[in-house]
N, C-alpha and C. Protein backbone atom coordinates (compact mmCIF):
# COMPACT_ATOMS: atom_id res chain seq x y z
N MET A 1 4.28 9.44 -7.18
CA MET A 1 4.61 8.07 -7.51
C MET A 1 3.38 7.17 -7.41
N ILE A 2 2.65 7.23 -6.32
CA ILE A 2 1.50 6.35 -6.14
C ILE A 2 0.42 6.65 -7.18
N GLU A 3 0.29 7.92 -7.54
CA GLU A 3 -0.71 8.28 -8.55
C GLU A 3 -0.36 7.65 -9.89
N GLN A 4 0.93 7.63 -10.24
CA GLN A 4 1.36 7.04 -11.50
C GLN A 4 1.11 5.53 -11.50
N LEU A 5 1.46 4.86 -10.42
CA LEU A 5 1.23 3.43 -10.33
C LEU A 5 -0.25 3.11 -10.35
N SER A 6 -1.03 3.90 -9.64
CA SER A 6 -2.46 3.67 -9.59
C SER A 6 -3.07 3.81 -10.98
N ALA A 7 -2.68 4.82 -11.72
CA ALA A 7 -3.20 5.02 -13.07
C ALA A 7 -2.77 3.89 -14.00
N ALA A 8 -1.55 3.41 -13.82
CA ALA A 8 -1.03 2.34 -14.68
C ALA A 8 -1.67 1.00 -14.37
N GLU A 9 -2.15 0.82 -13.16
CA GLU A 9 -2.67 -0.48 -12.73
C GLU A 9 -4.20 -0.49 -12.60
N ARG A 10 -4.88 0.39 -13.28
CA ARG A 10 -6.35 0.44 -13.18
C ARG A 10 -6.95 -0.81 -13.82
N ASN A 11 -7.22 -1.77 -12.97
CA ASN A 11 -7.89 -2.99 -13.40
C ASN A 11 -8.45 -3.68 -12.17
N GLU A 12 -9.00 -4.83 -12.33
CA GLU A 12 -9.63 -5.52 -11.21
C GLU A 12 -8.64 -6.22 -10.29
N GLU A 13 -7.38 -6.34 -10.69
CA GLU A 13 -6.40 -7.06 -9.89
C GLU A 13 -5.80 -6.22 -8.77
N VAL A 14 -5.77 -4.90 -8.95
CA VAL A 14 -5.09 -4.04 -8.00
C VAL A 14 -5.99 -2.87 -7.62
N MET A 15 -6.03 -2.57 -6.32
CA MET A 15 -6.78 -1.41 -5.84
C MET A 15 -5.87 -0.60 -4.93
N PHE A 16 -5.79 0.69 -5.17
CA PHE A 16 -4.99 1.58 -4.35
C PHE A 16 -5.92 2.42 -3.49
N LEU A 17 -5.62 2.52 -2.23
CA LEU A 17 -6.38 3.35 -1.31
C LEU A 17 -5.42 4.24 -0.54
N ARG A 18 -5.81 5.47 -0.35
CA ARG A 18 -5.01 6.39 0.44
C ARG A 18 -5.79 6.64 1.73
N VAL A 19 -5.11 6.51 2.86
CA VAL A 19 -5.75 6.65 4.16
C VAL A 19 -5.06 7.77 4.93
N ASP A 20 -5.85 8.66 5.48
CA ASP A 20 -5.34 9.72 6.34
C ASP A 20 -5.24 9.15 7.76
N VAL A 21 -4.03 8.82 8.17
CA VAL A 21 -3.85 8.15 9.46
C VAL A 21 -4.25 9.03 10.64
N ASP A 22 -4.30 10.33 10.44
CA ASP A 22 -4.77 11.22 11.51
C ASP A 22 -6.27 11.09 11.70
N GLN A 23 -6.98 10.68 10.66
CA GLN A 23 -8.43 10.52 10.72
C GLN A 23 -8.84 9.14 11.21
N VAL A 24 -8.00 8.14 10.98
CA VAL A 24 -8.33 6.76 11.38
C VAL A 24 -7.16 6.15 12.15
N ARG A 25 -6.87 6.73 13.28
CA ARG A 25 -5.74 6.27 14.09
C ARG A 25 -5.83 4.80 14.49
N PRO A 26 -7.01 4.28 14.82
CA PRO A 26 -7.08 2.85 15.17
C PRO A 26 -6.59 1.94 14.04
N LEU A 27 -6.92 2.29 12.82
CA LEU A 27 -6.44 1.50 11.69
C LEU A 27 -4.93 1.61 11.54
N ALA A 28 -4.42 2.81 11.67
CA ALA A 28 -2.97 3.01 11.59
C ALA A 28 -2.24 2.20 12.66
N GLN A 29 -2.79 2.18 13.85
CA GLN A 29 -2.17 1.41 14.93
C GLN A 29 -2.25 -0.09 14.64
N LYS A 30 -3.40 -0.55 14.16
CA LYS A 30 -3.57 -1.97 13.86
C LYS A 30 -2.58 -2.42 12.79
N LEU A 31 -2.36 -1.57 11.78
CA LEU A 31 -1.44 -1.92 10.70
C LEU A 31 0.00 -1.53 11.00
N LYS A 32 0.23 -0.98 12.18
CA LYS A 32 1.57 -0.60 12.64
C LYS A 32 2.23 0.42 11.71
N VAL A 33 1.45 1.43 11.34
CA VAL A 33 1.96 2.51 10.51
C VAL A 33 2.60 3.54 11.42
N ASN A 34 3.92 3.63 11.35
CA ASN A 34 4.67 4.57 12.18
C ASN A 34 5.39 5.64 11.37
N SER A 35 5.52 5.42 10.08
CA SER A 35 6.23 6.34 9.20
C SER A 35 5.45 6.51 7.92
N MET A 36 5.74 7.63 7.26
CA MET A 36 5.09 7.92 5.98
C MET A 36 6.14 7.98 4.90
N PRO A 37 5.87 7.46 3.74
CA PRO A 37 4.69 6.66 3.43
C PRO A 37 4.88 5.22 3.87
N THR A 38 3.78 4.56 4.14
CA THR A 38 3.76 3.13 4.40
C THR A 38 2.77 2.50 3.44
N PHE A 39 3.21 1.48 2.75
CA PHE A 39 2.35 0.75 1.81
C PHE A 39 2.06 -0.61 2.41
N VAL A 40 0.80 -0.97 2.46
CA VAL A 40 0.38 -2.26 3.02
C VAL A 40 -0.34 -3.03 1.92
N PHE A 41 0.06 -4.25 1.72
CA PHE A 41 -0.49 -5.09 0.66
C PHE A 41 -1.39 -6.16 1.27
N PHE A 42 -2.57 -6.29 0.71
CA PHE A 42 -3.53 -7.31 1.13
C PHE A 42 -3.87 -8.19 -0.06
N LYS A 43 -4.07 -9.45 0.21
CA LYS A 43 -4.53 -10.38 -0.82
C LYS A 43 -5.51 -11.33 -0.15
N ASN A 44 -6.70 -11.43 -0.72
CA ASN A 44 -7.74 -12.28 -0.14
C ASN A 44 -7.98 -11.94 1.32
N SER A 45 -8.04 -10.66 1.61
CA SER A 45 -8.32 -10.12 2.95
C SER A 45 -7.22 -10.36 3.97
N HIS A 46 -6.05 -10.78 3.54
CA HIS A 46 -4.93 -11.02 4.45
C HIS A 46 -3.76 -10.11 4.09
N GLN A 47 -3.12 -9.55 5.09
CA GLN A 47 -1.94 -8.73 4.84
C GLN A 47 -0.80 -9.64 4.41
N VAL A 48 -0.21 -9.34 3.26
CA VAL A 48 0.85 -10.19 2.73
C VAL A 48 2.20 -9.50 2.70
N ALA A 49 2.22 -8.17 2.80
CA ALA A 49 3.49 -7.45 2.77
C ALA A 49 3.26 -6.00 3.17
N SER A 50 4.35 -5.35 3.50
CA SER A 50 4.30 -3.91 3.75
C SER A 50 5.66 -3.31 3.38
N LEU A 51 5.63 -2.03 3.12
CA LEU A 51 6.85 -1.32 2.73
C LEU A 51 6.81 0.06 3.35
N VAL A 52 7.85 0.42 4.05
CA VAL A 52 7.97 1.75 4.63
C VAL A 52 8.98 2.52 3.78
N GLY A 53 8.58 3.68 3.32
CA GLY A 53 9.46 4.51 2.50
C GLY A 53 9.01 4.55 1.06
N ALA A 54 9.55 5.50 0.33
CA ALA A 54 9.15 5.74 -1.05
C ALA A 54 10.15 5.14 -2.03
N ASN A 55 10.48 3.87 -1.84
CA ASN A 55 11.40 3.19 -2.74
C ASN A 55 10.58 2.62 -3.90
N GLU A 56 10.59 3.32 -5.02
CA GLU A 56 9.74 2.93 -6.15
C GLU A 56 10.07 1.54 -6.67
N SER A 57 11.33 1.18 -6.70
CA SER A 57 11.73 -0.13 -7.19
C SER A 57 11.15 -1.24 -6.31
N LYS A 58 11.28 -1.10 -5.00
CA LYS A 58 10.73 -2.10 -4.08
C LYS A 58 9.21 -2.13 -4.15
N LEU A 59 8.60 -0.95 -4.29
CA LEU A 59 7.15 -0.89 -4.38
C LEU A 59 6.66 -1.62 -5.63
N ARG A 60 7.31 -1.39 -6.75
CA ARG A 60 6.92 -2.09 -7.99
C ARG A 60 7.12 -3.59 -7.85
N THR A 61 8.22 -4.00 -7.22
CA THR A 61 8.48 -5.44 -7.02
C THR A 61 7.37 -6.07 -6.20
N LEU A 62 7.00 -5.44 -5.08
CA LEU A 62 5.94 -5.98 -4.24
C LEU A 62 4.60 -5.96 -4.97
N LEU A 63 4.35 -4.92 -5.72
CA LEU A 63 3.11 -4.82 -6.46
C LEU A 63 2.95 -5.99 -7.43
N TYR A 64 3.97 -6.27 -8.21
CA TYR A 64 3.88 -7.35 -9.18
C TYR A 64 3.99 -8.73 -8.53
N GLN A 65 4.67 -8.80 -7.42
CA GLN A 65 4.79 -10.09 -6.70
C GLN A 65 3.46 -10.52 -6.12
N HIS A 66 2.65 -9.57 -5.66
CA HIS A 66 1.40 -9.89 -4.97
C HIS A 66 0.16 -9.62 -5.80
N LYS A 67 0.32 -9.45 -7.08
CA LYS A 67 -0.81 -9.21 -7.97
C LYS A 67 -1.74 -10.38 -8.01
C-alpha cells in the first residue's frame, strides 16, 4: 500500500520515509510508535497527524488533508 501511494505522490509536496524502529528506537519512542504500521505526518517540521493501522481510506484522507 505505501509503495503504491509513494509512487503516485512523487512530487515536491509529499515525501515518504520508511523507518526501522528496531534500528532507531529513540525516534520510535519520541513519536510514540507502539504498533505497526504507524504513519506520522509532518508539515513545516511539525507533527500534524498520525495513523495507526493499515486503513488505506484513512491514510489517503490524511495524506490529502495535510498536503
